[in-house]
Protein backbone atom coordinates (compact mmCIF):
# COMPACT_ATOMS: atom_id res chain seq x y z
CA UNK A 1 27.00 -58.73 -25.11
CA UNK A 2 26.84 -54.79 -26.02
CA UNK A 3 22.95 -55.11 -25.94
CA UNK A 4 23.16 -56.83 -22.29
CA UNK A 5 25.35 -53.79 -21.26
CA UNK A 6 23.06 -51.38 -22.68
CA UNK A 7 19.93 -52.99 -21.10
CA UNK A 8 21.84 -53.01 -17.52
CA UNK A 9 22.57 -49.32 -18.18
CA UNK A 10 18.91 -48.46 -18.91
CA UNK A 11 17.88 -50.42 -15.91
CA UNK A 12 20.58 -48.61 -13.77
CA UNK A 13 19.24 -45.18 -15.13
CA UNK A 14 15.69 -46.14 -14.54
CA UNK A 15 16.56 -46.99 -10.82
CA UNK A 16 18.35 -44.03 -10.40
CA UNK A 17 15.57 -41.74 -11.87
CA UNK A 18 13.07 -43.54 -9.30
CA UNK A 19 15.30 -43.14 -6.66
CA UNK A 20 15.80 -39.50 -7.23
CA UNK A 21 12.11 -39.00 -7.50
CA UNK A 22 11.63 -40.75 -4.11
CA UNK A 23 14.31 -38.64 -2.51
CA UNK A 24 13.03 -35.43 -3.92
CA UNK A 25 9.41 -36.39 -2.85
CA UNK A 26 10.45 -37.50 0.67
CA UNK A 27 12.50 -34.20 0.86
CA UNK A 28 9.31 -32.04 -0.05
CA UNK A 29 7.34 -33.94 2.42
CA UNK A 30 9.78 -33.51 5.40
CA UNK A 31 10.04 -29.93 4.37
CA UNK A 32 6.31 -29.24 4.19
CA UNK A 33 6.25 -31.49 7.68
CA UNK A 34 8.72 -29.19 9.44
CA UNK A 35 7.28 -25.87 8.07
CA UNK A 36 3.62 -27.09 9.43
CA UNK A 37 5.09 -27.77 12.78
CA UNK A 38 6.97 -24.51 12.87
CA UNK A 39 3.87 -22.51 11.90
CA UNK A 40 1.68 -24.66 14.38
CA UNK A 41 4.26 -23.59 17.40
CA UNK A 42 4.17 -19.97 16.02
CA UNK A 43 0.45 -19.72 16.00
CA UNK A 44 0.42 -21.35 19.41
CA UNK A 45 3.24 -19.16 21.04
CA UNK A 46 1.29 -16.02 19.60
CA UNK A 47 -2.26 -17.09 21.48
CA UNK A 48 -2.08 -14.60 24.15
CA UNK A 49 -1.50 -11.57 21.39
CA UNK A 50 -4.02 -13.00 19.23
CA UNK A 51 -6.61 -13.00 21.96
CA UNK A 52 -5.52 -9.49 22.98
CA UNK A 53 -5.99 -7.97 19.36
CA UNK A 54 -9.51 -9.38 18.63
CA UNK A 55 -10.76 -8.24 22.15
CA UNK A 56 -12.87 -4.83 22.09
CA UNK A 57 -11.21 -2.18 24.58
CA UNK A 58 -7.34 -3.40 24.16
CA UNK A 59 -5.37 -0.72 22.98
CA UNK A 60 -2.13 -1.96 21.47
CA UNK A 61 1.21 -0.43 21.72
CA UNK A 62 1.35 2.98 19.47
CA UNK A 63 1.61 1.93 16.02
CA UNK A 64 5.07 1.18 14.40
CA UNK A 65 6.03 3.53 11.67
CA UNK A 66 7.90 0.78 9.93
CA UNK A 67 4.88 -1.66 10.08
CA UNK A 68 2.42 1.02 9.16
CA UNK A 69 4.63 1.77 6.00
CA UNK A 70 4.53 -1.84 5.06
CA UNK A 71 0.86 -2.26 5.38
CA UNK A 72 0.35 0.79 3.38
CA UNK A 73 2.82 -0.50 0.68
CA UNK A 74 0.83 -3.93 0.78
CA UNK A 75 -2.50 -1.94 0.53
CA UNK A 76 -1.26 0.12 -2.51
CA UNK A 77 -0.45 -3.05 -4.53
CA UNK A 78 -3.80 -4.36 -3.73
CA UNK A 79 -5.46 -1.25 -4.57
CA UNK A 80 -3.71 -0.84 -7.89
CA UNK A 81 -4.78 -4.38 -8.89
CA UNK A 82 -8.43 -4.04 -7.71
CA UNK A 83 -9.05 -0.57 -8.40
CA UNK A 84 -6.54 1.04 -10.57
CA UNK A 85 -5.62 4.79 -10.53
CA UNK A 86 -6.79 6.65 -7.48
CA UNK A 87 -7.41 10.61 -7.25
CA UNK A 88 -7.20 12.37 -3.95
CA UNK A 89 -8.92 15.80 -3.74
CA UNK A 90 -8.96 17.81 -0.76
CA UNK A 91 -6.03 16.49 1.60
CA UNK A 92 -5.46 19.98 2.52
CA UNK A 93 -8.45 19.94 4.56
CA UNK A 94 -6.77 17.23 6.70
CA UNK A 95 -3.48 19.02 7.15
CA UNK A 96 -5.50 22.23 8.11
CA UNK A 97 -6.68 20.60 11.26
CA UNK A 98 -4.31 21.06 14.18
CA UNK A 99 -6.44 19.43 17.19
CA UNK A 100 -7.61 15.83 17.48
CA UNK A 101 -9.30 14.24 14.57
CA UNK A 102 -11.36 11.41 13.20
CA UNK A 103 -11.33 10.66 9.56
CA UNK A 104 -14.75 9.12 8.33
CA UNK A 105 -16.09 8.35 5.11
CA UNK A 106 -18.76 6.27 3.20
CA UNK A 107 -17.87 2.50 2.99
CA UNK A 108 -18.68 1.23 -0.35
CA UNK A 109 -15.84 -1.31 -1.07
CA UNK A 110 -13.37 -3.48 0.73
CA UNK A 111 -10.61 -1.51 -0.67
CA UNK A 112 -11.69 1.51 1.39
CA UNK A 113 -9.48 -0.03 4.27
CA UNK A 114 -6.53 0.53 2.11
CA UNK A 115 -7.47 3.86 0.68
CA UNK A 116 -8.13 5.66 4.13
CA UNK A 117 -4.60 4.95 5.54
CA UNK A 118 -3.27 6.97 2.30
CA UNK A 119 -5.05 10.07 4.02
CA UNK A 120 -2.95 9.66 7.18
CA UNK A 121 0.50 10.91 7.19
CA UNK A 122 2.83 8.96 9.49
CA UNK A 123 0.74 6.36 11.97
CA UNK A 124 -3.07 6.53 12.95
CA UNK A 125 -5.62 4.19 14.70
CA UNK A 126 -7.92 2.17 12.39
CA UNK A 127 -11.36 0.59 13.68
CA UNK A 128 -11.77 -2.69 11.74
CA UNK A 129 -14.41 -5.45 12.09
CA UNK A 130 -13.62 -8.21 14.29
CA UNK A 131 -13.54 -10.85 11.64
CA UNK A 132 -10.38 -8.70 10.11
CA UNK A 133 -8.71 -9.41 13.59
CA UNK A 134 -9.47 -13.06 13.67
CA UNK A 135 -8.56 -13.85 9.89
CA UNK A 136 -5.85 -16.56 9.24
CA UNK A 137 -6.06 -17.60 12.66
CA UNK A 138 -5.82 -14.35 14.13
CA UNK A 139 -2.15 -13.64 12.77
CA UNK A 140 -3.33 -10.96 10.47
CA UNK A 141 -4.87 -9.27 13.39
CA UNK A 142 -1.48 -9.50 15.29
CA UNK A 143 0.38 -7.89 12.23
CA UNK A 144 -2.38 -5.08 11.61
CA UNK A 145 -2.44 -4.30 15.30
CA UNK A 146 1.13 -2.90 15.07
CA UNK A 147 0.15 -0.75 12.32
CA UNK A 148 -2.75 0.80 14.49
CA UNK A 149 -5.74 -1.33 13.72
CA UNK A 150 -8.10 -2.35 16.38
CA UNK A 151 -11.31 -4.39 16.87
CA UNK A 152 -14.72 -2.72 16.76
CA UNK A 153 -16.66 -5.77 17.89
CA UNK A 154 -16.28 -9.25 19.45
CA UNK A 155 -18.30 -11.92 21.12
CA UNK A 156 -19.32 -9.91 23.96
CA UNK A 157 -22.16 -7.61 23.19
CA UNK A 158 -22.01 -4.52 25.30
CA UNK A 159 -23.35 -1.85 22.87
CA UNK A 160 -19.67 -0.71 21.62
CA UNK A 161 -18.86 0.73 25.17
CA UNK A 162 -15.32 -0.95 25.45
CA UNK A 163 -14.58 0.02 21.79
CA UNK A 164 -15.61 3.61 22.34
CA UNK A 165 -13.81 3.99 25.66
CA UNK A 166 -10.72 2.76 23.69
CA UNK A 167 -11.06 4.90 20.69
CA UNK A 168 -11.44 8.04 23.24
CA UNK A 169 -8.25 7.09 25.06
CA UNK A 170 -6.67 6.96 21.58
CA UNK A 171 -7.82 10.49 20.70
CA UNK A 172 -6.68 11.69 24.32
CA UNK A 173 -3.28 10.29 23.59
CA UNK A 174 -2.86 12.55 20.38
CA UNK A 175 -3.54 9.88 17.76
CA UNK A 176 -5.41 10.30 14.44
CA UNK A 177 -8.56 7.80 14.27
CA UNK A 178 -10.30 6.46 11.08
CA UNK A 179 -13.77 4.93 11.68
CA UNK A 180 -16.29 4.04 8.93
CA UNK A 181 -19.54 4.95 10.58
CA UNK A 182 -21.87 2.86 8.24
CA UNK A 183 -19.88 -0.18 9.92
CA UNK A 184 -20.19 -2.62 6.85
CA UNK A 185 -19.56 -2.15 3.21
CA UNK A 186 -22.67 -2.07 0.88
CA UNK A 187 -20.79 -2.01 -2.59
CA UNK A 188 -23.03 0.90 -3.63
CA UNK A 189 -22.49 4.69 -4.04
CA UNK A 190 -25.26 5.15 -1.56
CA UNK A 191 -24.47 6.00 1.88
CA UNK A 192 -26.44 4.21 4.51
CA UNK A 193 -27.41 5.67 7.99
CA UNK A 194 -24.45 6.20 10.36
CA UNK A 195 -23.97 4.50 13.53
CA UNK A 196 -23.64 7.21 16.50
CA UNK A 197 -20.56 5.82 17.82
CA UNK A 198 -18.21 8.00 16.07
CA UNK A 199 -19.98 11.40 17.13
CA UNK A 200 -19.94 10.06 21.01
CA UNK A 201 -16.30 9.16 20.92
CA UNK A 202 -15.39 12.72 19.47
CA UNK A 203 -17.83 14.42 22.07
CA UNK A 204 -16.53 12.26 25.07
CA UNK A 205 -12.83 13.09 24.00
CA UNK A 206 -13.64 16.62 23.68
CA UNK A 207 -15.32 16.84 27.12
CA UNK A 208 -12.13 15.20 28.66
CA UNK A 209 -9.78 17.25 26.86
CA UNK A 210 -11.58 20.45 27.18
CA UNK A 211 -11.33 21.32 23.47
CA UNK A 212 -12.90 20.42 20.24
CA UNK A 213 -12.26 17.26 18.38
CA UNK A 214 -12.80 17.62 14.58
CA UNK A 215 -14.64 14.99 12.28
CA UNK A 216 -13.06 15.11 8.72
CA UNK A 217 -15.51 14.09 6.03
CA UNK A 218 -14.34 11.80 3.31
CA UNK A 219 -16.29 10.56 0.02
CA UNK A 220 -15.18 7.65 -1.90
CA UNK A 221 -16.41 7.08 -5.13
CA UNK A 222 -15.63 3.96 -7.46
CA UNK A 223 -15.80 3.87 -11.32
CA UNK A 224 -17.77 0.63 -11.10
CA UNK A 225 -19.89 -1.03 -8.53
CA UNK A 226 -21.21 -4.93 -8.29
CA UNK A 227 -25.17 -5.34 -8.78
CA UNK A 228 -27.36 -6.20 -5.99
CA UNK A 229 -26.77 -9.88 -6.65
CA UNK A 230 -23.79 -9.47 -4.33
CA UNK A 231 -25.70 -8.87 -1.33
CA UNK A 232 -27.10 -12.37 -1.46
CA UNK A 233 -23.71 -13.90 -0.49
CA UNK A 234 -21.79 -14.08 2.67
CA UNK A 235 -19.89 -11.26 3.84
CA UNK A 236 -16.54 -12.72 3.49
CA UNK A 237 -17.51 -14.16 0.12
CA UNK A 238 -18.57 -10.84 -1.23
CA UNK A 239 -14.86 -9.60 -0.63
CA UNK A 240 -13.55 -12.54 -2.13
CA UNK A 241 -15.39 -12.45 -5.29
CA UNK A 242 -15.02 -8.73 -6.05
CA UNK A 243 -11.40 -9.30 -5.74
CA UNK A 244 -11.36 -12.30 -7.98
CA UNK A 245 -13.42 -10.24 -10.62
CA UNK A 246 -11.03 -7.15 -10.37
CA UNK A 247 -10.91 -6.98 -14.36
CA UNK A 248 -14.48 -6.09 -14.17
CA UNK A 249 -14.41 -3.55 -11.39
CA UNK A 250 -11.11 -1.96 -11.72
CA UNK A 251 -12.33 1.51 -13.12
CA UNK A 252 -10.35 3.83 -10.67
CA UNK A 253 -11.63 5.55 -7.79
CA UNK A 254 -11.92 9.35 -6.49
CA UNK A 255 -11.55 10.17 -2.81
CA UNK A 256 -12.82 13.72 -1.82
CA UNK A 257 -11.97 14.97 1.62
CA UNK A 258 -14.17 17.87 2.91
CA UNK A 259 -13.62 20.69 5.48
CA UNK A 260 -13.70 19.39 9.22
CA UNK A 261 -16.50 20.19 11.45
CA UNK A 262 -15.70 20.36 15.16
CA UNK A 263 -17.79 19.00 17.92
CA UNK A 264 -18.91 22.51 18.85
CA UNK A 265 -20.63 22.99 15.57
CA UNK A 266 -22.65 20.14 16.08
CA UNK A 267 -25.79 22.41 17.08
CA UNK A 268 -28.90 23.59 15.36
CA UNK A 269 -29.46 26.86 13.90
CA UNK A 270 -30.89 28.06 17.50
CA UNK A 271 -27.28 26.70 18.89
CA UNK A 272 -28.98 23.65 20.65
CA UNK A 273 -26.75 20.69 20.88
CA UNK A 274 -27.97 18.02 18.55
CA UNK A 275 -28.47 14.56 19.78
CA UNK A 276 -25.91 12.03 18.78
CA UNK A 277 -28.19 10.53 16.16
CA UNK A 278 -28.91 14.07 14.80
CA UNK A 279 -25.18 14.97 14.75
CA UNK A 280 -24.46 11.76 13.08
CA UNK A 281 -27.16 12.53 10.28
CA UNK A 282 -25.60 16.02 9.90
CA UNK A 283 -22.02 14.52 9.46
CA UNK A 284 -23.43 12.07 6.93
CA UNK A 285 -24.95 14.80 4.86
CA UNK A 286 -21.63 16.40 4.93
CA UNK A 287 -20.01 13.40 3.40
CA UNK A 288 -22.87 12.88 0.81
CA UNK A 289 -22.55 16.28 -0.45
CA UNK A 290 -18.74 15.49 -1.29
CA UNK A 291 -19.98 12.91 -3.83
CA UNK A 292 -18.14 13.77 -7.32
CA UNK A 293 -20.88 11.67 -8.99
CA UNK A 294 -18.02 10.31 -11.35
CA UNK A 295 -14.51 9.30 -11.14
């Protein structure tokens, strides 16, 4: 009799365990389904805003200081993981500028987008590639736009006219801009030719406001760069691979800020106004000259 009772109890225990496992599995499945539906509804509800932030020329409301701080905090964690210790030199050159300004630097790493905001006290506006604003169904773009990030390009090709107009209006509104004139990262200490858009924005804003706009040069040097093999991969995959291989590239970084140059100084030795392309090259050389050579 005792053995029959033992078998019965064992059978009940087995059934109870199976029922418990089934209940837990069903609960997890229901929870995932509910969360998926809620996420889909949230994405759908934000469609108008997602469409706006990915569009060139759209100027989102002035950045929130609270969101800006959250974004900077997130980037600081990512930089600590990917890059390690960061040394910043010459920040007083930014503080010395009292007029409207654009901070621009070389663009050798995805981490630049986290380092440059550290140079801006309070809020600012940050030009970003359109793919940033559409990442993760556009939700990342919605969040970043509240910290001042705006799209530099979209499906419509207009030579950058809408982006330049939006950036000019931001400067007129007294906001600090951060623009990387190379456009895309090259994962190299070499500085590629600059697109003339930054100079065009500064000059147009200066013309409208009747006062000089200042270009602040910044050079970012990392302790180690990937080899040329990385260029063979898709752009998004490049960032992902470098991020995953952070133990190999976590060798620190040095950020050097130079003295600002005003739009009124974009002239040659005879006082002739330089073309946008010539002025961009002059500004590029100012940035190259800041290269410390090592971290």
